[in-house]
Amino acid sequence: MSDFTLSEHADISIERPERYGKQLASHISHKTEVSEIEGGWQAKIRTGEGKILPQTETLVLEAQAHDEETLAIVKDVLEHHLRKFAAKLEPFDVHWEKTSEV
């Protein structure tokens, strides 16, 4: 569990989620710190954090931050670059939802 106060996730139905997740993580790593974590990758984006978590049939994106502005930036970075790489698969839905803390 992180110390971020805001958290949202998107479960994206996409072909070959592992491939696109790895490509997204690799691309983002040219601009910011990305580390491999269990089940995917974690990226430091501004003062927030993004996670790229490939599943069997979906790609889960998670965005976490301390304020709404940073959260919006993290979500935009993840979604914008995924759409760029997976353009031939468009249209696919990216619907962000608040993550409930337990």
PDB file of N, CA and C in Angstrom:
ATOM      1  N   MET A   1       0.841  -1.177   0.000  1.00  0.00           N
ATOM      2  CA  MET A   1       0.000   0.000   0.000  1.00  0.00           C
ATOM      3  C   MET A   1       0.886   1.240   0.000  1.00  0.00           C
ATOM      4  N   SER A   2       0.539   2.212  -0.791  1.00  0.00           N
ATOM      5  CA  SER A   2       1.385   3.396  -0.925  1.00  0.00           C
ATOM      6  C   SER A   2       0.908   4.498   0.007  1.00  0.00           C
ATOM      7  N   ASP A   3       1.683   5.565   0.075  1.00  0.00           N
ATOM      8  CA  ASP A   3       1.293   6.702   0.901  1.00  0.00           C
ATOM      9  C   ASP A   3       0.615   7.793   0.085  1.00  0.00           C
ATOM     10  N   PHE A   4       0.260   7.498  -1.162  1.00  0.00           N
ATOM     11  CA  PHE A   4      -0.439   8.474  -1.989  1.00  0.00           C
ATOM     12  C   PHE A   4      -1.888   8.588  -1.537  1.00  0.00           C
ATOM     13  N   THR A   5      -2.454   9.783  -1.640  1.00  0.00           N
ATOM     14  CA  THR A   5      -3.820  10.006  -1.186  1.00  0.00           C
ATOM     15  C   THR A   5      -4.852   9.767  -2.279  1.00  0.00           C
ATOM     16  N   LEU A   6      -4.439   9.853  -3.548  1.00  0.00           N
ATOM     17  CA  LEU A   6      -5.350   9.654  -4.667  1.00  0.00           C
ATOM     18  C   LEU A   6      -4.875   8.493  -5.522  1.00  0.00           C
ATOM     19  N   SER A   7      -5.803   7.669  -5.956  1.00  0.00           N
ATOM     20  CA  SER A   7      -5.435   6.513  -6.764  1.00  0.00           C
ATOM     21  C   SER A   7      -6.575   6.169  -7.708  1.00  0.00           C
ATOM     22  N   GLU A   8      -6.236   5.954  -8.992  1.00  0.00           N
ATOM     23  CA  GLU A   8      -7.207   5.526  -9.993  1.00  0.00           C
ATOM     24  C   GLU A   8      -6.585   4.422 -10.836  1.00  0.00           C
ATOM     25  N   HIS A   9      -7.446   3.603 -11.430  1.00  0.00           N
ATOM     26  CA  HIS A   9      -6.965   2.527 -12.293  1.00  0.00           C
ATOM     27  C   HIS A   9      -7.863   2.399 -13.514  1.00  0.00           C
ATOM     28  N   ALA A  10      -7.303   1.821 -14.561  1.00  0.00           N
ATOM     29  CA  ALA A  10      -8.047   1.523 -15.785  1.00  0.00           C
ATOM     30  C   ALA A  10      -7.708   0.104 -16.202  1.00  0.00           C
ATOM     31  N   ASP A  11      -8.746  -0.707 -16.435  1.00  0.00           N
ATOM     32  CA  ASP A  11      -8.574  -2.076 -16.936  1.00  0.00           C
ATOM     33  C   ASP A  11      -8.907  -2.048 -18.418  1.00  0.00           C
ATOM     34  N   ILE A  12      -7.903  -2.194 -19.259  1.00  0.00           N
ATOM     35  CA  ILE A  12      -8.061  -2.013 -20.700  1.00  0.00           C
ATOM     36  C   ILE A  12      -8.017  -3.356 -21.408  1.00  0.00           C
ATOM     37  N   SER A  13      -9.099  -3.683 -22.109  1.00  0.00           N
ATOM     38  CA  SER A  13      -9.116  -4.899 -22.925  1.00  0.00           C
ATOM     39  C   SER A  13      -8.349  -4.608 -24.207  1.00  0.00           C
ATOM     40  N   ILE A  14      -7.233  -5.301 -24.374  1.00  0.00           N
ATOM     41  CA  ILE A  14      -6.346  -5.025 -25.503  1.00  0.00           C
ATOM     42  C   ILE A  14      -5.646  -6.327 -25.897  1.00  0.00           C
ATOM     43  N   GLU A  15      -5.384  -6.478 -27.168  1.00  0.00           N
ATOM     44  CA  GLU A  15      -4.619  -7.637 -27.636  1.00  0.00           C
ATOM     45  C   GLU A  15      -3.187  -7.547 -27.117  1.00  0.00           C
ATOM     46  N   ARG A  16      -2.617  -8.665 -26.766  1.00  0.00           N
ATOM     47  CA  ARG A  16      -1.216  -8.762 -26.320  1.00  0.00           C
ATOM     48  C   ARG A  16      -0.847  -7.714 -25.263  1.00  0.00           C
ATOM     49  N   PRO A  17      -1.513  -7.742 -24.118  1.00  0.00           N
ATOM     50  CA  PRO A  17      -1.241  -6.749 -23.081  1.00  0.00           C
ATOM     51  C   PRO A  17       0.214  -6.739 -22.613  1.00  0.00           C
ATOM     52  N   GLU A  18       0.856  -7.904 -22.589  1.00  0.00           N
ATOM     53  CA  GLU A  18       2.262  -7.964 -22.164  1.00  0.00           C
ATOM     54  C   GLU A  18       3.150  -7.162 -23.115  1.00  0.00           C
ATOM     55  N   ARG A  19       2.924  -7.323 -24.402  1.00  0.00           N
ATOM     56  CA  ARG A  19       3.731  -6.621 -25.403  1.00  0.00           C
ATOM     57  C   ARG A  19       3.574  -5.107 -25.275  1.00  0.00           C
ATOM     58  N   TYR A  20       2.322  -4.658 -25.207  1.00  0.00           N
ATOM     59  CA  TYR A  20       2.103  -3.213 -25.139  1.00  0.00           C
ATOM     60  C   TYR A  20       2.510  -2.635 -23.790  1.00  0.00           C
ATOM     61  N   GLY A  21       2.366  -3.409 -22.736  1.00  0.00           N
ATOM     62  CA  GLY A  21       2.828  -2.956 -21.430  1.00  0.00           C
ATOM     63  C   GLY A  21       4.333  -2.774 -21.402  1.00  0.00           C
ATOM     64  N   LYS A  22       5.054  -3.739 -21.959  1.00  0.00           N
ATOM     65  CA  LYS A  22       6.520  -3.660 -21.993  1.00  0.00           C
ATOM     66  C   LYS A  22       6.977  -2.492 -22.862  1.00  0.00           C
ATOM     67  N   GLN A  23       6.315  -2.295 -23.999  1.00  0.00           N
ATOM     68  CA  GLN A  23       6.666  -1.192 -24.892  1.00  0.00           C
ATOM     69  C   GLN A  23       6.415   0.157 -24.214  1.00  0.00           C
ATOM     70  N   LEU A  24       5.297   0.258 -23.519  1.00  0.00           N
ATOM     71  CA  LEU A  24       4.972   1.496 -22.801  1.00  0.00           C
ATOM     72  C   LEU A  24       6.009   1.773 -21.718  1.00  0.00           C
ATOM     73  N   ALA A  25       6.346   0.777 -20.928  1.00  0.00           N
ATOM     74  CA  ALA A  25       7.340   0.954 -19.865  1.00  0.00           C
ATOM     75  C   ALA A  25       8.704   1.347 -20.430  1.00  0.00           C
ATOM     76  N   SER A  26       9.097   0.698 -21.512  1.00  0.00           N
ATOM     77  CA  SER A  26      10.383   0.999 -22.134  1.00  0.00           C
ATOM     78  C   SER A  26      10.428   2.442 -22.638  1.00  0.00           C
ATOM     79  N   HIS A  27       9.372   2.870 -23.278  1.00  0.00           N
ATOM     80  CA  HIS A  27       9.324   4.231 -23.816  1.00  0.00           C
ATOM     81  C   HIS A  27       9.375   5.278 -22.698  1.00  0.00           C
ATOM     82  N   ILE A  28       8.579   5.069 -21.667  1.00  0.00           N
ATOM     83  CA  ILE A  28       8.540   6.028 -20.565  1.00  0.00           C
ATOM     84  C   ILE A  28       9.894   6.093 -19.852  1.00  0.00           C
ATOM     85  N   SER A  29      10.631   4.986 -19.858  1.00  0.00           N
ATOM     86  CA  SER A  29      11.920   4.945 -19.154  1.00  0.00           C
ATOM     87  C   SER A  29      12.957   5.883 -19.765  1.00  0.00           C
ATOM     88  N   HIS A  30      12.710   6.370 -20.988  1.00  0.00           N
ATOM     89  CA  HIS A  30      13.634   7.327 -21.598  1.00  0.00           C
ATOM     90  C   HIS A  30      13.494   8.714 -20.973  1.00  0.00           C
ATOM     91  N   LYS A  31      12.371   8.957 -20.296  1.00  0.00           N
ATOM     92  CA  LYS A  31      12.111  10.280 -19.723  1.00  0.00           C
ATOM     93  C   LYS A  31      12.081  10.293 -18.198  1.00  0.00           C
ATOM     94  N   THR A  32      11.852   9.131 -17.574  1.00  0.00           N
ATOM     95  CA  THR A  32      11.699   9.083 -16.126  1.00  0.00           C
ATOM     96  C   THR A  32      12.154   7.740 -15.594  1.00  0.00           C
ATOM     97  N   GLU A  33      12.262   7.629 -14.295  1.00  0.00           N
ATOM     98  CA  GLU A  33      12.699   6.381 -13.658  1.00  0.00           C
ATOM     99  C   GLU A  33      11.588   5.330 -13.725  1.00  0.00           C
ATOM    100  N   VAL A  34      11.920   4.178 -14.278  1.00  0.00           N
ATOM    101  CA  VAL A  34      10.990   3.045 -14.364  1.00  0.00           C
ATOM    102  C   VAL A  34      11.678   1.837 -13.754  1.00  0.00           C
ATOM    103  N   SER A  35      10.958   1.134 -12.904  1.00  0.00           N
ATOM    104  CA  SER A  35      11.522  -0.083 -12.314  1.00  0.00           C
ATOM    105  C   SER A  35      10.566  -1.244 -12.524  1.00  0.00           C
ATOM    106  N   GLU A  36      11.153  -2.416 -12.643  1.00  0.00           N
ATOM    107  CA  GLU A  36      10.342  -3.610 -12.792  1.00  0.00           C
ATOM    108  C   GLU A  36       9.854  -4.022 -11.400  1.00  0.00           C
ATOM    109  N   ILE A  37       8.572  -4.316 -11.311  1.00  0.00           N
ATOM    110  CA  ILE A  37       7.965  -4.758 -10.064  1.00  0.00           C
ATOM    111  C   ILE A  37       7.271  -6.093 -10.327  1.00  0.00           C
ATOM    112  N   GLU A  38       6.807  -6.729  -9.297  1.00  0.00           N
ATOM    113  CA  GLU A  38       6.095  -7.986  -9.472  1.00  0.00           C
ATOM    114  C   GLU A  38       4.849  -7.744 -10.324  1.00  0.00           C
ATOM    115  N   GLY A  39       4.773  -8.404 -11.462  1.00  0.00           N
ATOM    116  CA  GLY A  39       3.607  -8.294 -12.326  1.00  0.00           C
ATOM    117  C   GLY A  39       3.633  -7.144 -13.317  1.00  0.00           C
ATOM    118  N   GLY A  40       4.733  -6.375 -13.377  1.00  0.00           N
ATOM    119  CA  GLY A  40       4.766  -5.275 -14.336  1.00  0.00           C
ATOM    120  C   GLY A  40       5.864  -4.266 -14.076  1.00  0.00           C
ATOM    121  N   TRP A  41       5.513  -2.988 -14.235  1.00  0.00           N
ATOM    122  CA  TRP A  41       6.481  -1.895 -14.112  1.00  0.00           C
ATOM    123  C   TRP A  41       5.865  -0.742 -13.341  1.00  0.00           C
ATOM    124  N   GLN A  42       6.752   0.037 -12.718  1.00  0.00           N
ATOM    125  CA  GLN A  42       6.354   1.209 -11.956  1.00  0.00           C
ATOM    126  C   GLN A  42       7.164   2.391 -12.461  1.00  0.00           C
ATOM    127  N   ALA A  43       6.499   3.515 -12.710  1.00  0.00           N
ATOM    128  CA  ALA A  43       7.176   4.711 -13.227  1.00  0.00           C
ATOM    129  C   ALA A  43       6.929   5.897 -12.304  1.00  0.00           C
ATOM    130  N   LYS A  44       7.993   6.639 -12.041  1.00  0.00           N
ATOM    131  CA  LYS A  44       7.866   7.892 -11.301  1.00  0.00           C
ATOM    132  C   LYS A  44       7.507   8.968 -12.324  1.00  0.00           C
ATOM    133  N   ILE A  45       6.360   9.576 -12.175  1.00  0.00           N
ATOM    134  CA  ILE A  45       5.916  10.622 -13.100  1.00  0.00           C
ATOM    135  C   ILE A  45       5.604  11.853 -12.266  1.00  0.00           C
ATOM    136  N   ARG A  46       6.428  12.890 -12.448  1.00  0.00           N
ATOM    137  CA  ARG A  46       6.388  14.077 -11.595  1.00  0.00           C
ATOM    138  C   ARG A  46       6.505  13.627 -10.148  1.00  0.00           C
ATOM    139  N   THR A  47       5.570  14.051  -9.295  1.00  0.00           N
ATOM    140  CA  THR A  47       5.614  13.613  -7.902  1.00  0.00           C
ATOM    141  C   THR A  47       4.646  12.453  -7.662  1.00  0.00           C
ATOM    142  N   GLY A  48       4.131  11.876  -8.739  1.00  0.00           N
ATOM    143  CA  GLY A  48       3.211  10.749  -8.647  1.00  0.00           C
ATOM    144  C   GLY A  48       3.857   9.471  -9.141  1.00  0.00           C
ATOM    145  N   GLU A  49       3.012   8.474  -9.344  1.00  0.00           N
ATOM    146  CA  GLU A  49       3.507   7.163  -9.741  1.00  0.00           C
ATOM    147  C   GLU A  49       2.493   6.507 -10.672  1.00  0.00           C
ATOM    148  N   GLY A  50       3.024   5.826 -11.679  1.00  0.00           N
ATOM    149  CA  GLY A  50       2.168   5.057 -12.567  1.00  0.00           C
ATOM    150  C   GLY A  50       2.617   3.610 -12.574  1.00  0.00           C
ATOM    151  N   LYS A  51       1.649   2.699 -12.641  1.00  0.00           N
ATOM    152  CA  LYS A  51       1.978   1.278 -12.736  1.00  0.00           C
ATOM    153  C   LYS A  51       1.368   0.713 -14.004  1.00  0.00           C
ATOM    154  N   ILE A  52       2.123  -0.163 -14.643  1.00  0.00           N
ATOM    155  CA  ILE A  52       1.717  -0.828 -15.884  1.00  0.00           C
ATOM    156  C   ILE A  52       1.723  -2.318 -15.556  1.00  0.00           C
ATOM    157  N   LEU A  53       0.524  -2.909 -15.538  1.00  0.00           N
ATOM    158  CA  LEU A  53       0.373  -4.280 -15.048  1.00  0.00           C
ATOM    159  C   LEU A  53      -0.353  -5.149 -16.068  1.00  0.00           C
ATOM    160  N   PRO A  54       0.375  -5.835 -16.938  1.00  0.00           N
ATOM    161  CA  PRO A  54      -0.263  -6.711 -17.917  1.00  0.00           C
ATOM    162  C   PRO A  54      -0.921  -7.920 -17.250  1.00  0.00           C
ATOM    163  N   GLN A  55      -2.117  -8.225 -17.664  1.00  0.00           N
ATOM    164  CA  GLN A  55      -2.846  -9.407 -17.218  1.00  0.00           C
ATOM    165  C   GLN A  55      -3.014 -10.323 -18.432  1.00  0.00           C
ATOM    166  N   THR A  56      -3.760 -11.382 -18.305  1.00  0.00           N
ATOM    167  CA  THR A  56      -3.941 -12.323 -19.402  1.00  0.00           C
ATOM    168  C   THR A  56      -4.634 -11.673 -20.601  1.00  0.00           C
ATOM    169  N   GLU A  57      -5.720 -10.962 -20.356  1.00  0.00           N
ATOM    170  CA  GLU A  57      -6.481 -10.360 -21.452  1.00  0.00           C
ATOM    171  C   GLU A  57      -6.646  -8.860 -21.332  1.00  0.00           C
ATOM    172  N   THR A  58      -6.081  -8.269 -20.304  1.00  0.00           N
ATOM    173  CA  THR A  58      -6.205  -6.825 -20.110  1.00  0.00           C
ATOM    174  C   THR A  58      -4.855  -6.231 -19.719  1.00  0.00           C
ATOM    175  N   LEU A  59      -4.772  -4.926 -19.884  1.00  0.00           N
ATOM    176  CA  LEU A  59      -3.623  -4.167 -19.400  1.00  0.00           C
ATOM    177  C   LEU A  59      -4.173  -3.218 -18.338  1.00  0.00           C
ATOM    178  N   VAL A  60      -3.685  -3.362 -17.124  1.00  0.00           N
ATOM    179  CA  VAL A  60      -4.135  -2.508 -16.035  1.00  0.00           C
ATOM    180  C   VAL A  60      -3.139  -1.365 -15.880  1.00  0.00           C
ATOM    181  N   LEU A  61      -3.666  -0.149 -15.895  1.00  0.00           N
ATOM    182  CA  LEU A  61      -2.868   1.034 -15.621  1.00  0.00           C
ATOM    183  C   LEU A  61      -3.319   1.592 -14.284  1.00  0.00           C
ATOM    184  N   GLU A  62      -2.381   1.964 -13.435  1.00  0.00           N
ATOM    185  CA  GLU A  62      -2.696   2.567 -12.151  1.00  0.00           C
ATOM    186  C   GLU A  62      -1.974   3.900 -12.055  1.00  0.00           C
ATOM    187  N   ALA A  63      -2.678   4.891 -11.533  1.00  0.00           N
ATOM    188  CA  ALA A  63      -2.101   6.219 -11.334  1.00  0.00           C
ATOM    189  C   ALA A  63      -2.300   6.606  -9.877  1.00  0.00           C
ATOM    190  N   GLN A  64      -1.244   7.145  -9.263  1.00  0.00           N
ATOM    191  CA  GLN A  64      -1.323   7.561  -7.870  1.00  0.00           C
ATOM    192  C   GLN A  64      -0.614   8.898  -7.709  1.00  0.00           C
ATOM    193  N   ALA A  65      -1.185   9.739  -6.846  1.00  0.00           N
ATOM    194  CA  ALA A  65      -0.596  11.054  -6.607  1.00  0.00           C
ATOM    195  C   ALA A  65      -1.164  11.642  -5.318  1.00  0.00           C
ATOM    196  N   HIS A  66      -0.606  12.792  -4.931  1.00  0.00           N
ATOM    197  CA  HIS A  66      -1.074  13.493  -3.740  1.00  0.00           C
ATOM    198  C   HIS A  66      -2.079  14.588  -4.073  1.00  0.00           C
ATOM    199  N   ASP A  67      -2.182  14.969  -5.354  1.00  0.00           N
ATOM    200  CA  ASP A  67      -3.119  16.027  -5.731  1.00  0.00           C
ATOM    201  C   ASP A  67      -3.733  15.717  -7.099  1.00  0.00           C
ATOM    202  N   GLU A  68      -4.877  16.322  -7.368  1.00  0.00           N
ATOM    203  CA  GLU A  68      -5.628  16.056  -8.600  1.00  0.00           C
ATOM    204  C   GLU A  68      -4.833  16.421  -9.856  1.00  0.00           C
ATOM    205  N   GLU A  69      -4.087  17.510  -9.818  1.00  0.00           N
ATOM    206  CA  GLU A  69      -3.319  17.943 -10.994  1.00  0.00           C
ATOM    207  C   GLU A  69      -2.271  16.903 -11.378  1.00  0.00           C
ATOM    208  N   THR A  70      -1.517  16.420 -10.398  1.00  0.00           N
ATOM    209  CA  THR A  70      -0.499  15.404 -10.674  1.00  0.00           C
ATOM    210  C   THR A  70      -1.142  14.096 -11.103  1.00  0.00           C
ATOM    211  N   LEU A  71      -2.257  13.722 -10.477  1.00  0.00           N
ATOM    212  CA  LEU A  71      -2.959  12.505 -10.867  1.00  0.00           C
ATOM    213  C   LEU A  71      -3.376  12.577 -12.334  1.00  0.00           C
ATOM    214  N   ALA A  72      -3.883  13.720 -12.759  1.00  0.00           N
ATOM    215  CA  ALA A  72      -4.286  13.898 -14.159  1.00  0.00           C
ATOM    216  C   ALA A  72      -3.090  13.764 -15.101  1.00  0.00           C
ATOM    217  N   ILE A  73      -1.936  14.272 -14.695  1.00  0.00           N
ATOM    218  CA  ILE A  73      -0.724  14.175 -15.522  1.00  0.00           C
ATOM    219  C   ILE A  73      -0.280  12.718 -15.640  1.00  0.00           C
ATOM    220  N   VAL A  74      -0.261  11.995 -14.533  1.00  0.00           N
ATOM    221  CA  VAL A  74       0.143  10.581 -14.557  1.00  0.00           C
ATOM    222  C   VAL A  74      -0.780   9.791 -15.477  1.00  0.00           C
ATOM    223  N   LYS A  75      -2.086   9.981 -15.334  1.00  0.00           N
ATOM    224  CA  LYS A  75      -3.046   9.280 -16.187  1.00  0.00           C
ATOM    225  C   LYS A  75      -2.841   9.640 -17.652  1.00  0.00           C
ATOM    226  N   ASP A  76      -2.626  10.910 -17.939  1.00  0.00           N
ATOM    227  CA  ASP A  76      -2.446  11.349 -19.322  1.00  0.00           C
ATOM    228  C   ASP A  76      -1.182  10.754 -19.941  1.00  0.00           C
ATOM    229  N   VAL A  77      -0.102  10.735 -19.194  1.00  0.00           N
ATOM    230  CA  VAL A  77       1.150  10.167 -19.716  1.00  0.00           C
ATOM    231  C   VAL A  77       0.951   8.698 -20.069  1.00  0.00           C
ATOM    232  N   LEU A  78       0.380   7.934 -19.158  1.00  0.00           N
ATOM    233  CA  LEU A  78       0.175   6.510 -19.403  1.00  0.00           C
ATOM    234  C   LEU A  78      -0.755   6.274 -20.589  1.00  0.00           C
ATOM    235  N   GLU A  79      -1.896   6.945 -20.586  1.00  0.00           N
ATOM    236  CA  GLU A  79      -2.887   6.717 -21.638  1.00  0.00           C
ATOM    237  C   GLU A  79      -2.423   7.228 -22.999  1.00  0.00           C
ATOM    238  N   HIS A  80      -1.860   8.420 -23.037  1.00  0.00           N
ATOM    239  CA  HIS A  80      -1.420   9.018 -24.304  1.00  0.00           C
ATOM    240  C   HIS A  80      -0.396   8.127 -25.012  1.00  0.00           C
ATOM    241  N   HIS A  81       0.603   7.668 -24.256  1.00  0.00           N
ATOM    242  CA  HIS A  81       1.643   6.859 -24.884  1.00  0.00           C
ATOM    243  C   HIS A  81       1.145   5.463 -25.252  1.00  0.00           C
ATOM    244  N   LEU A  82       0.241   4.896 -24.467  1.00  0.00           N
ATOM    245  CA  LEU A  82      -0.343   3.614 -24.846  1.00  0.00           C
ATOM    246  C   LEU A  82      -1.113   3.756 -26.153  1.00  0.00           C
ATOM    247  N   ARG A  83      -1.910   4.797 -26.279  1.00  0.00           N
ATOM    248  CA  ARG A  83      -2.677   5.009 -27.520  1.00  0.00           C
ATOM    249  C   ARG A  83      -1.755   5.194 -28.711  1.00  0.00           C
ATOM    250  N   LYS A  84      -0.613   5.816 -28.512  1.00  0.00           N
ATOM    251  CA  LYS A  84       0.362   6.016 -29.586  1.00  0.00           C
ATOM    252  C   LYS A  84       0.902   4.667 -30.085  1.00  0.00           C
ATOM    253  N   PHE A  85       1.268   3.790 -29.162  1.00  0.00           N
ATOM    254  CA  PHE A  85       1.831   2.495 -29.549  1.00  0.00           C
ATOM    255  C   PHE A  85       0.781   1.544 -30.083  1.00  0.00           C
ATOM    256  N   ALA A  86      -0.418   1.617 -29.555  1.00  0.00           N
ATOM    257  CA  ALA A  86      -1.465   0.659 -29.913  1.00  0.00           C
ATOM    258  C   ALA A  86      -2.475   1.278 -30.876  1.00  0.00           C
ATOM    259  N   ALA A  87      -2.049   2.260 -31.641  1.00  0.00           N
ATOM    260  CA  ALA A  87      -2.959   2.982 -32.539  1.00  0.00           C
ATOM    261  C   ALA A  87      -3.681   2.049 -33.505  1.00  0.00           C
ATOM    262  N   LYS A  88      -3.007   1.008 -33.971  1.00  0.00           N
ATOM    263  CA  LYS A  88      -3.646   0.104 -34.928  1.00  0.00           C
ATOM    264  C   LYS A  88      -4.751  -0.722 -34.270  1.00  0.00           C
ATOM    265  N   LEU A  89      -4.793  -0.762 -32.950  1.00  0.00           N
ATOM    266  CA  LEU A  89      -5.832  -1.498 -32.233  1.00  0.00           C
ATOM    267  C   LEU A  89      -7.036  -0.622 -31.879  1.00  0.00           C
ATOM    268  N   GLU A  90      -6.922   0.670 -32.122  1.00  0.00           N
ATOM    269  CA  GLU A  90      -8.021   1.584 -31.797  1.00  0.00           C
ATOM    270  C   GLU A  90      -9.272   1.171 -32.537  1.00  0.00           C
ATOM    271  N   PRO A  91     -10.451   1.386 -32.050  1.00  0.00           N
ATOM    272  CA  PRO A  91     -10.679   2.042 -30.754  1.00  0.00           C
ATOM    273  C   PRO A  91     -10.668   1.036 -29.611  1.00  0.00           C
ATOM    274  N   PHE A  92     -10.115   1.440 -28.491  1.00  0.00           N
ATOM    275  CA  PHE A  92     -10.235   0.677 -27.249  1.00  0.00           C
ATOM    276  C   PHE A  92     -10.531   1.679 -26.147  1.00  0.00           C
ATOM    277  N   ASP A  93     -11.281   1.216 -25.163  1.00  0.00           N
ATOM    278  CA  ASP A  93     -11.718   2.107 -24.095  1.00  0.00           C
ATOM    279  C   ASP A  93     -10.704   2.167 -22.967  1.00  0.00           C
ATOM    280  N   VAL A  94     -10.473   3.374 -22.495  1.00  0.00           N
ATOM    281  CA  VAL A  94      -9.679   3.588 -21.291  1.00  0.00           C
ATOM    282  C   VAL A  94     -10.577   4.376 -20.349  1.00  0.00           C
ATOM    283  N   HIS A  95     -11.102   3.687 -19.364  1.00  0.00           N
ATOM    284  CA  HIS A  95     -12.015   4.301 -18.402  1.00  0.00           C
ATOM    285  C   HIS A  95     -11.378   4.245 -17.021  1.00  0.00           C
ATOM    286  N   TRP A  96     -11.009   5.415 -16.509  1.00  0.00           N
ATOM    287  CA  TRP A  96     -10.348   5.497 -15.205  1.00  0.00           C
ATOM    288  C   TRP A  96     -11.402   5.479 -14.101  1.00  0.00           C
ATOM    289  N   GLU A  97     -11.116   4.743 -13.038  1.00  0.00           N
ATOM    290  CA  GLU A  97     -11.995   4.658 -11.876  1.00  0.00           C
ATOM    291  C   GLU A  97     -11.167   4.849 -10.609  1.00  0.00           C
ATOM    292  N   LYS A  98     -11.774   5.475  -9.623  1.00  0.00           N
ATOM    293  CA  LYS A  98     -11.089   5.621  -8.346  1.00  0.00           C
ATOM    294  C   LYS A  98     -10.834   4.248  -7.738  1.00  0.00           C
ATOM    295  N   THR A  99      -9.663   4.092  -7.170  1.00  0.00           N
ATOM    296  CA  THR A  99      -9.297   2.843  -6.505  1.00  0.00           C
ATOM    297  C   THR A  99      -9.664   2.990  -5.041  1.00  0.00           C
ATOM    298  N   SER A 100     -10.429   2.059  -4.546  1.00  0.00           N
ATOM    299  CA  SER A 100     -10.815   2.136  -3.127  1.00  0.00           C
ATOM    300  C   SER A 100      -9.697   1.567  -2.276  1.00  0.00           C
ATOM    301  N   GLU A 101      -9.378   2.290  -1.242  1.00  0.00           N
ATOM    302  CA  GLU A 101      -8.346   1.853  -0.285  1.00  0.00           C
ATOM    303  C   GLU A 101      -9.002   0.927   0.722  1.00  0.00           C
ATOM    304  N   VAL A 102      -8.285  -0.095   1.114  1.00  0.00           N
ATOM    305  CA  VAL A 102      -8.833  -1.057   2.084  1.00  0.00           C
ATOM    306  C   VAL A 102      -8.340  -0.714   3.463  1.00  0.00           C
TER     307      VAL A 102
END
